[in-house]
Protein backbone atom coordinates (compact mmCIF):
# COMPACT_ATOMS: atom_id res chain seq x y z
CA MET A 1 -0.87 -24.74 14.29
CA SER A 2 0.59 -25.08 10.81
CA THR A 3 1.55 -21.84 9.08
CA ASP A 4 2.29 -23.60 5.78
CA VAL A 5 -0.30 -21.50 3.95
CA LEU A 6 1.83 -18.42 4.57
CA PHE A 7 4.79 -20.04 2.84
CA GLN A 8 3.18 -21.28 -0.35
CA PRO A 9 4.57 -19.76 -3.58
CA PHE A 10 2.60 -17.16 -5.49
CA GLU A 11 2.80 -16.23 -9.17
CA LEU A 12 1.13 -13.46 -11.13
CA LYS A 13 2.37 -12.50 -14.60
CA SER A 14 6.14 -12.00 -14.28
CA LEU A 15 6.05 -11.92 -10.48
CA LYS A 16 7.14 -15.13 -8.75
CA LEU A 17 7.20 -15.13 -4.94
CA SER A 18 8.49 -17.82 -2.61
CA ASN A 19 5.80 -17.11 -0.01
CA ARG A 20 2.69 -15.04 0.74
CA LEU A 21 4.30 -12.54 3.15
CA VAL A 22 4.65 -8.95 1.98
CA MET A 23 6.56 -6.16 3.68
CA ALA A 24 4.05 -3.34 3.86
CA PRO A 25 5.11 0.14 2.75
CA MET A 26 6.11 2.23 5.76
CA THR A 27 7.33 5.83 5.65
CA ARG A 28 10.84 6.04 7.11
CA ASN A 29 11.73 9.66 6.18
CA PHE A 30 15.50 9.24 6.14
CA ALA A 31 16.38 9.80 2.48
CA LYS A 32 18.59 12.89 2.53
CA ASN A 33 17.57 15.29 -0.25
CA GLY A 34 15.16 12.61 -1.44
CA VAL A 35 17.95 10.28 -2.58
CA PRO A 36 18.19 6.72 -1.18
CA GLY A 37 21.64 5.39 -0.39
CA ALA A 38 23.53 2.98 1.84
CA ALA A 39 21.03 3.26 4.70
CA GLN A 40 18.13 2.22 2.48
CA GLU A 41 20.18 -0.56 0.89
CA ALA A 42 20.97 -2.04 4.31
CA TYR A 43 17.42 -1.60 5.61
CA TYR A 44 15.70 -3.42 2.75
CA GLU A 45 18.47 -6.00 2.33
CA LYS A 46 17.97 -7.14 5.94
CA ARG A 47 14.24 -7.74 5.32
CA ALA A 48 14.99 -9.70 2.14
CA LYS A 49 17.45 -11.86 4.03
CA GLY A 50 14.82 -12.31 6.73
CA GLY A 51 12.64 -14.24 4.31
CA VAL A 52 9.77 -11.95 3.37
CA GLY A 53 8.38 -12.88 -0.05
CA LEU A 54 7.85 -9.37 -1.42
CA ILE A 55 9.07 -5.98 -0.24
CA LEU A 56 7.02 -2.91 -1.06
CA SER A 57 9.06 0.20 -0.45
CA GLU A 58 8.09 3.19 1.59
CA GLY A 59 6.11 5.74 -0.39
CA THR A 60 8.27 7.34 -3.09
CA VAL A 61 7.54 10.63 -4.76
CA ILE A 62 6.48 11.09 -8.36
CA ASP A 63 7.81 14.04 -10.36
CA ARG A 64 5.27 16.62 -9.29
CA PRO A 65 5.66 19.77 -7.14
CA ALA A 66 4.61 19.40 -3.49
CA SER A 67 3.99 15.69 -3.85
CA ARG A 68 5.43 14.77 -0.45
CA ASN A 69 4.50 15.82 3.07
CA LEU A 70 7.83 15.21 4.82
CA PRO A 71 11.24 16.57 3.79
CA GLN A 72 13.17 13.29 3.52
CA ILE A 73 10.70 11.07 1.73
CA PRO A 74 12.59 9.57 -1.23
CA PHE A 75 12.00 10.61 -4.81
CA PHE A 76 11.30 8.16 -7.61
CA HIS A 77 12.46 10.51 -10.33
CA GLY A 78 15.71 12.16 -11.28
CA GLU A 79 19.04 10.55 -12.08
CA ALA A 80 20.42 10.49 -8.52
CA ALA A 81 17.33 9.04 -6.87
CA LEU A 82 16.80 6.38 -9.53
CA ALA A 83 20.45 5.35 -9.28
CA GLY A 84 19.98 5.07 -5.53
CA TRP A 85 16.93 2.84 -5.95
CA LYS A 86 18.85 0.68 -8.44
CA GLY A 87 21.36 0.02 -5.67
CA VAL A 88 18.54 -0.91 -3.29
CA VAL A 89 16.80 -3.37 -5.61
CA ASP A 90 20.10 -4.97 -6.61
CA LYS A 91 20.85 -5.65 -2.92
CA VAL A 92 17.37 -7.10 -2.40
CA HIS A 93 17.72 -9.38 -5.42
CA ALA A 94 21.16 -10.54 -4.32
CA ALA A 95 19.60 -11.50 -0.98
CA GLY A 96 16.96 -13.58 -2.77
CA GLY A 97 14.11 -11.09 -2.41
CA LYS A 98 11.58 -9.43 -4.70
CA MET A 99 10.70 -5.74 -4.52
CA GLY A 100 8.49 -3.00 -5.87
CA PRO A 101 8.40 0.72 -5.18
CA GLN A 102 5.24 2.32 -3.93
CA ILE A 103 4.74 5.51 -5.94
CA TRP A 104 2.63 8.26 -4.52
CA HIS A 105 1.50 11.85 -4.27
CA THR A 106 0.42 12.91 -0.79
CA GLY A 107 -2.07 15.51 -2.00
CA SER A 108 -2.95 18.21 0.51
CA THR A 109 -2.20 16.15 3.63
CA ARG A 110 0.03 17.66 6.29
CA SER A 111 2.65 15.97 8.45
CA GLY A 112 3.83 18.13 11.32
CA ASP A 113 4.84 21.71 10.62
CA TRP A 114 6.91 21.11 7.50
CA GLU A 115 5.72 22.88 4.36
CA PRO A 116 6.84 22.17 0.78
CA GLU A 117 8.08 25.05 -1.32
CA ALA A 118 5.21 24.76 -3.83
CA ALA A 119 1.54 25.03 -2.95
CA VAL A 120 -0.03 21.69 -2.11
CA GLU A 121 -2.66 20.46 -4.54
CA SER A 122 -5.75 18.30 -4.34
CA PRO A 123 -8.99 17.74 -6.24
CA SER A 124 -10.78 20.71 -4.67
CA GLY A 125 -8.26 22.50 -2.48
CA LEU A 126 -9.46 20.61 0.60
CA VAL A 127 -7.57 18.39 3.03
CA ALA A 128 -10.80 17.20 4.69
CA PRO A 129 -14.49 18.10 4.32
CA ASP A 130 -14.91 21.87 4.71
CA THR A 131 -11.19 22.21 5.52
CA PRO A 132 -9.32 24.23 2.88
CA ARG A 133 -5.64 23.65 2.20
CA GLY A 134 -3.70 24.37 -0.95
CA VAL A 135 -5.13 24.70 -4.43
CA ALA A 136 -7.57 22.79 -6.61
CA MET A 137 -5.94 21.02 -9.53
CA THR A 138 -6.65 22.11 -13.06
CA GLU A 139 -7.23 19.50 -15.77
CA GLU A 140 -3.70 20.27 -16.99
CA ASP A 141 -2.38 19.54 -13.49
CA ILE A 142 -4.28 16.25 -13.51
CA ALA A 143 -2.89 15.25 -16.90
CA ASP A 144 0.65 16.05 -15.78
CA THR A 145 0.16 14.02 -12.59
CA VAL A 146 -1.12 11.00 -14.50
CA ALA A 147 1.94 11.26 -16.76
CA ALA A 148 4.23 11.48 -13.73
CA PHE A 149 2.79 8.28 -12.26
CA ALA A 150 3.30 6.53 -15.60
CA SER A 151 6.88 7.76 -15.89
CA ALA A 152 7.72 6.52 -12.38
CA ALA A 153 6.25 3.11 -13.12
CA ARG A 154 8.26 2.81 -16.32
CA ASP A 155 11.41 3.72 -14.40
CA ALA A 156 10.57 1.01 -11.84
CA ARG A 157 10.36 -1.60 -14.57
CA ASP A 158 13.51 -0.37 -16.28
CA ASN A 159 15.44 -0.32 -12.99
CA GLY A 160 14.75 -4.01 -12.46
CA PHE A 161 11.94 -3.93 -9.91
CA ASP A 162 9.51 -6.84 -9.89
CA ILE A 163 6.25 -4.90 -9.45
CA VAL A 164 5.03 -1.35 -8.94
CA GLU A 165 2.43 -0.21 -6.43
CA ILE A 166 0.32 2.94 -6.81
CA HIS A 167 -0.78 4.51 -3.52
CA GLY A 168 -4.49 5.28 -3.71
CA ALA A 169 -5.37 5.12 0.00
CA HIS A 170 -5.25 6.82 3.41
CA GLY A 171 -6.42 10.26 2.35
CA TYR A 172 -3.57 11.02 -0.06
CA LEU A 173 -4.10 12.48 -3.53
CA ILE A 174 -5.77 9.62 -5.39
CA ASP A 175 -7.90 8.87 -2.35
CA GLN A 176 -8.91 12.51 -2.13
CA PHE A 177 -10.46 12.09 -5.57
CA PHE A 178 -12.38 9.01 -4.37
CA TRP A 179 -13.71 10.75 -1.25
CA GLY A 180 -16.78 12.90 -1.74
CA GLY A 181 -15.73 15.00 1.25
CA THR A 182 -12.59 16.21 -0.54
CA ASN A 183 -13.75 15.97 -4.16
CA THR A 184 -16.41 18.57 -4.85
CA ARG A 185 -15.41 19.10 -8.47
CA GLU A 186 -18.10 19.70 -11.06
CA ASP A 187 -16.09 18.49 -14.06
CA ARG A 188 -15.54 14.91 -15.26
CA TYR A 189 -13.23 14.14 -12.31
CA GLY A 190 -15.94 14.84 -9.75
CA GLY A 191 -19.46 13.54 -9.31
CA SER A 192 -21.99 12.32 -6.79
CA THR A 193 -21.03 8.64 -7.06
CA ILE A 194 -17.86 6.74 -6.24
CA LYS A 195 -17.81 5.39 -9.79
CA GLU A 196 -17.61 8.93 -11.19
CA ARG A 197 -14.95 9.97 -8.67
CA SER A 198 -12.81 6.95 -9.62
CA ARG A 199 -12.05 8.41 -13.06
CA PHE A 200 -8.72 9.97 -12.05
CA ALA A 201 -7.51 6.72 -10.48
CA ALA A 202 -8.63 4.68 -13.49
CA GLU A 203 -6.83 7.02 -15.88
CA THR A 204 -3.70 6.78 -13.72
CA VAL A 205 -3.79 2.96 -13.68
CA ALA A 206 -4.40 2.84 -17.43
CA ALA A 207 -1.46 5.16 -18.09
CA VAL A 208 0.77 3.06 -15.86
CA ARG A 209 -0.34 -0.10 -17.66
CA GLU A 210 0.51 1.44 -21.01
CA ALA A 211 3.90 2.54 -19.68
CA VAL A 212 4.97 -0.84 -18.27
CA GLY A 213 3.39 -3.22 -20.78
CA PRO A 214 1.02 -6.15 -20.30
CA ASP A 215 3.20 -8.51 -18.25
CA PHE A 216 4.59 -6.23 -15.51
CA PRO A 217 2.41 -6.48 -12.37
CA ILE A 218 0.63 -3.42 -11.00
CA ALA A 219 -0.68 -3.20 -7.45
CA LEU A 220 -3.00 -0.48 -6.22
CA ARG A 221 -3.36 0.31 -2.53
CA VAL A 222 -6.86 1.34 -1.47
CA SER A 223 -8.65 1.94 1.83
CA GLN A 224 -12.02 2.89 3.17
CA TRP A 225 -10.53 4.83 6.13
CA LYS A 226 -8.61 8.08 5.86
CA GLN A 227 -5.97 9.52 8.15
CA GLN A 228 -8.23 12.57 8.27
CA ASP A 229 -11.15 10.44 9.52
CA TYR A 230 -10.89 6.77 10.52
CA THR A 231 -14.66 6.28 10.23
CA VAL A 232 -15.05 7.17 6.53
CA ARG A 233 -16.41 4.46 4.22
CA LEU A 234 -16.29 5.00 0.48
CA ALA A 235 -18.45 1.92 -0.15
CA GLU A 236 -21.32 1.10 2.20
CA THR A 237 -22.48 -1.87 0.10
CA PRO A 238 -20.92 -4.50 -2.15
CA ASP A 239 -22.52 -2.81 -5.17
CA GLN A 240 -20.80 0.46 -4.29
CA MET A 241 -17.51 -1.39 -3.80
CA THR A 242 -17.88 -2.90 -7.26
CA ASP A 243 -18.50 0.56 -8.72
CA TRP A 244 -15.34 1.78 -7.01
CA LEU A 245 -12.90 -1.06 -7.62
CA ALA A 246 -14.00 -2.84 -10.79
CA PRO A 247 -13.05 0.08 -13.10
CA LEU A 248 -9.57 0.11 -11.55
CA VAL A 249 -9.06 -3.58 -12.25
CA GLU A 250 -10.43 -3.12 -15.76
CA ALA A 251 -7.93 -0.28 -16.25
CA GLY A 252 -5.03 -2.62 -15.48
CA ALA A 253 -4.57 -3.15 -11.74
CA ASP A 254 -3.55 -6.78 -11.10
CA ILE A 255 -3.49 -6.67 -7.29
CA LEU A 256 -5.64 -4.66 -4.90
CA HIS A 257 -3.77 -3.94 -1.66
CA CYS A 258 -6.70 -3.48 0.70
CA SER A 259 -5.77 -1.51 3.79
CA GLN A 260 -7.96 -1.75 6.85
CA ARG A 261 -7.12 -0.92 10.42
CA ARG A 262 -7.59 -4.54 11.60
CA PHE A 263 -7.42 -7.32 9.01
CA TRP A 264 -9.76 -9.65 10.94
CA VAL A 265 -12.72 -7.23 11.00
CA PRO A 266 -15.49 -8.19 8.52
CA GLU A 267 -16.30 -5.60 5.89
CA PHE A 268 -20.04 -6.25 5.63
CA PRO A 269 -21.02 -8.24 8.76
CA GLU A 270 -24.68 -7.51 8.10
CA ILE A 271 -24.34 -9.78 5.04
CA ASP A 272 -22.01 -12.61 6.05
CA GLY A 273 -21.67 -12.30 9.82
CA GLU A 274 -18.98 -11.48 12.34
CA ASP A 275 -16.57 -13.96 10.74
CA GLY A 276 -17.35 -12.71 7.24
CA LEU A 277 -15.01 -11.59 4.50
CA ASN A 278 -12.70 -8.70 5.26
CA PHE A 279 -12.03 -5.82 2.85
CA ALA A 280 -9.52 -7.82 0.76
CA GLY A 281 -11.90 -10.77 0.70
CA TRP A 282 -14.77 -8.73 -0.67
CA ALA A 283 -12.50 -6.96 -3.17
CA LYS A 284 -11.33 -10.31 -4.52
CA LYS A 285 -14.86 -11.70 -4.65
CA LEU A 286 -16.29 -8.67 -6.45
CA THR A 287 -13.49 -7.96 -8.96
CA GLY A 288 -11.66 -11.26 -9.44
CA ALA A 289 -8.34 -9.53 -8.83
CA ALA A 290 -5.66 -10.89 -6.54
CA THR A 291 -5.62 -9.10 -3.19
CA ILE A 292 -3.25 -8.27 -0.37
CA SER A 293 -4.77 -7.90 3.08
CA VAL A 294 -3.13 -5.67 5.65
CA GLY A 295 -4.05 -4.13 8.96
CA SER A 296 -2.44 -4.49 12.39
CA VAL A 297 -0.62 -7.72 11.60
CA GLY A 298 1.52 -7.51 14.69
CA LEU A 299 -0.60 -5.14 16.73
CA SER A 300 -4.27 -4.30 17.10
CA SER A 301 -3.71 -0.73 18.26
CA GLU A 302 -4.65 2.25 16.13
CA PHE A 303 -2.40 2.59 13.11
CA PHE A 304 -0.79 5.90 14.01
CA GLY A 305 -1.05 5.30 17.75
CA ALA A 306 1.34 2.38 17.43
CA PHE A 307 4.07 4.73 16.27
CA LYS A 308 3.49 6.83 19.40
CA GLY A 309 4.07 3.85 21.65
CA GLU A 310 0.45 3.39 22.67
CA PRO A 311 -0.37 -0.03 24.15
CA SER A 312 -1.94 -2.74 22.02
CA ALA A 313 -3.33 -6.24 22.16
CA SER A 314 -2.17 -9.11 19.97
CA ALA A 315 -4.08 -10.51 16.99
CA PRO A 316 -4.06 -14.32 17.23
CA VAL A 317 -2.26 -16.10 14.40
CA ASP A 318 -5.20 -18.43 13.82
CA LYS A 319 -7.27 -15.52 12.51
CA LEU A 320 -4.71 -14.96 9.77
CA VAL A 321 -4.06 -18.60 8.91
CA SER A 322 -7.74 -19.58 8.76
CA ARG A 323 -8.61 -16.71 6.42
CA MET A 324 -5.74 -17.54 4.10
CA GLU A 325 -6.54 -21.25 4.13
CA ARG A 326 -10.05 -20.52 2.90
CA GLY A 327 -8.63 -18.40 0.07
CA GLU A 328 -10.12 -15.14 1.29
CA PHE A 329 -7.11 -13.19 0.02
CA ASP A 330 -3.83 -14.07 -1.67
CA LEU A 331 -1.12 -12.25 0.27
CA ILE A 332 -0.75 -10.70 3.72
CA ALA A 333 1.26 -7.53 4.34
CA VAL A 334 3.20 -7.09 7.57
CA GLY A 335 4.42 -3.71 8.75
CA ARG A 336 5.59 -2.89 12.24
CA ALA A 337 6.64 -6.45 13.11
CA LEU A 338 9.18 -6.27 10.27
CA ILE A 339 10.52 -2.94 11.48
CA SER A 340 11.24 -4.41 14.89
CA ASP A 341 12.49 -7.76 13.60
CA PRO A 342 13.75 -8.28 10.02
CA GLU A 343 13.73 -12.06 10.56
CA TRP A 344 10.07 -12.20 11.55
CA PRO A 345 9.09 -14.45 8.56
CA LYS A 346 11.75 -17.02 9.38
CA LYS A 347 10.74 -17.04 13.01
CA ILE A 348 7.05 -17.72 12.46
CA ARG A 349 7.94 -20.46 9.98
CA ASP A 350 10.37 -22.05 12.45
CA GLU A 351 7.91 -21.62 15.31
CA ALA A 352 5.39 -23.83 13.53
CA ALA A 353 8.01 -26.56 13.18
CA GLY A 354 9.16 -26.29 16.81
CA THR A 355 10.09 -23.43 19.08
CA PRO A 356 13.63 -22.26 18.33
CA ASP A 357 15.96 -20.90 20.97
CA GLY A 358 15.16 -17.35 21.89
CA PHE A 359 11.70 -17.30 20.29
CA SER A 360 8.77 -18.62 22.27
CA ALA A 361 5.15 -19.29 21.47
CA ARG A 362 4.32 -16.21 23.52
CA ASP A 363 6.56 -14.13 21.26
CA LEU A 364 4.66 -15.45 18.24
CA ALA A 365 1.29 -14.56 19.72
CA GLU A 366 2.49 -11.03 20.39
CA LEU A 367 3.82 -10.57 16.87
CA VAL A 368 0.96 -11.96 14.78
């Protein structure tokens, strides 16, 4: 099978990629005092040398109290942290790669027993439906958070990054505004519909767009599922998905990074069948934006279970190639396979041309 479609160039505004493979953001939690250094430089440099088209960093923290849920998640604010990230992106560029930071606020989510010094915040002081944690944000808190996202994006552009990604998925802060189970506000940031609850995200994207200018690409990561509940769906119909995502594209998002647990699962099979469009496919169709698909490229186990060593089955490469060949989505993000093997892109390219020493067709089937 030819994998040429994975290695076609991609351009959007100022972003020019040599191929369609993206390193997915993955929390590593080894930035001492929130400052990236030599370890991060080496980690990302290896993946750039391995041939991935675009690297999206692990989630990095905006300048807001209690905006991380682990103690060594890196900051994307402050002189020391920004200098550290400048060293990282310079190494990636020298290796021929492109990179963007993922900027985030983890809301009221918890990770283990660690607690931040400040009270965690969320739309309504909930971490899940009927599960209190932390405090509800005031409108002043919301305005300050929007400004912090914009400031981080501007710093990304000024530090020489090629793109910025806003994390709006997986039950973190922005996603907690989307989700009716965690957003019970009665002001203009709440509401009974997903379109109403998208206001905070739209304001954040618009502020980021203003901060970085018209030509710097903005990606926004979104998901139906939440780490608090894998079964949650924000949009049960294409019309609801349009209400959710179209305002975010109109606000300035160029790329929707559509996270689902398994990329080959159709989003609305009742409409287009068991081989129908996935989440990224529907998002592209409904909004016209470029999309990144992601979800168990490498493994079909549960997302968090994979990190616990739980067994998994492989996702055949033909499912990925065929969807990309029909233009369902523009880019594909790869996570765990790139942790285990920085040269994964080179190997699947070489595999299509002929099995290289030390990398068999069976290896390929297990990775993709």
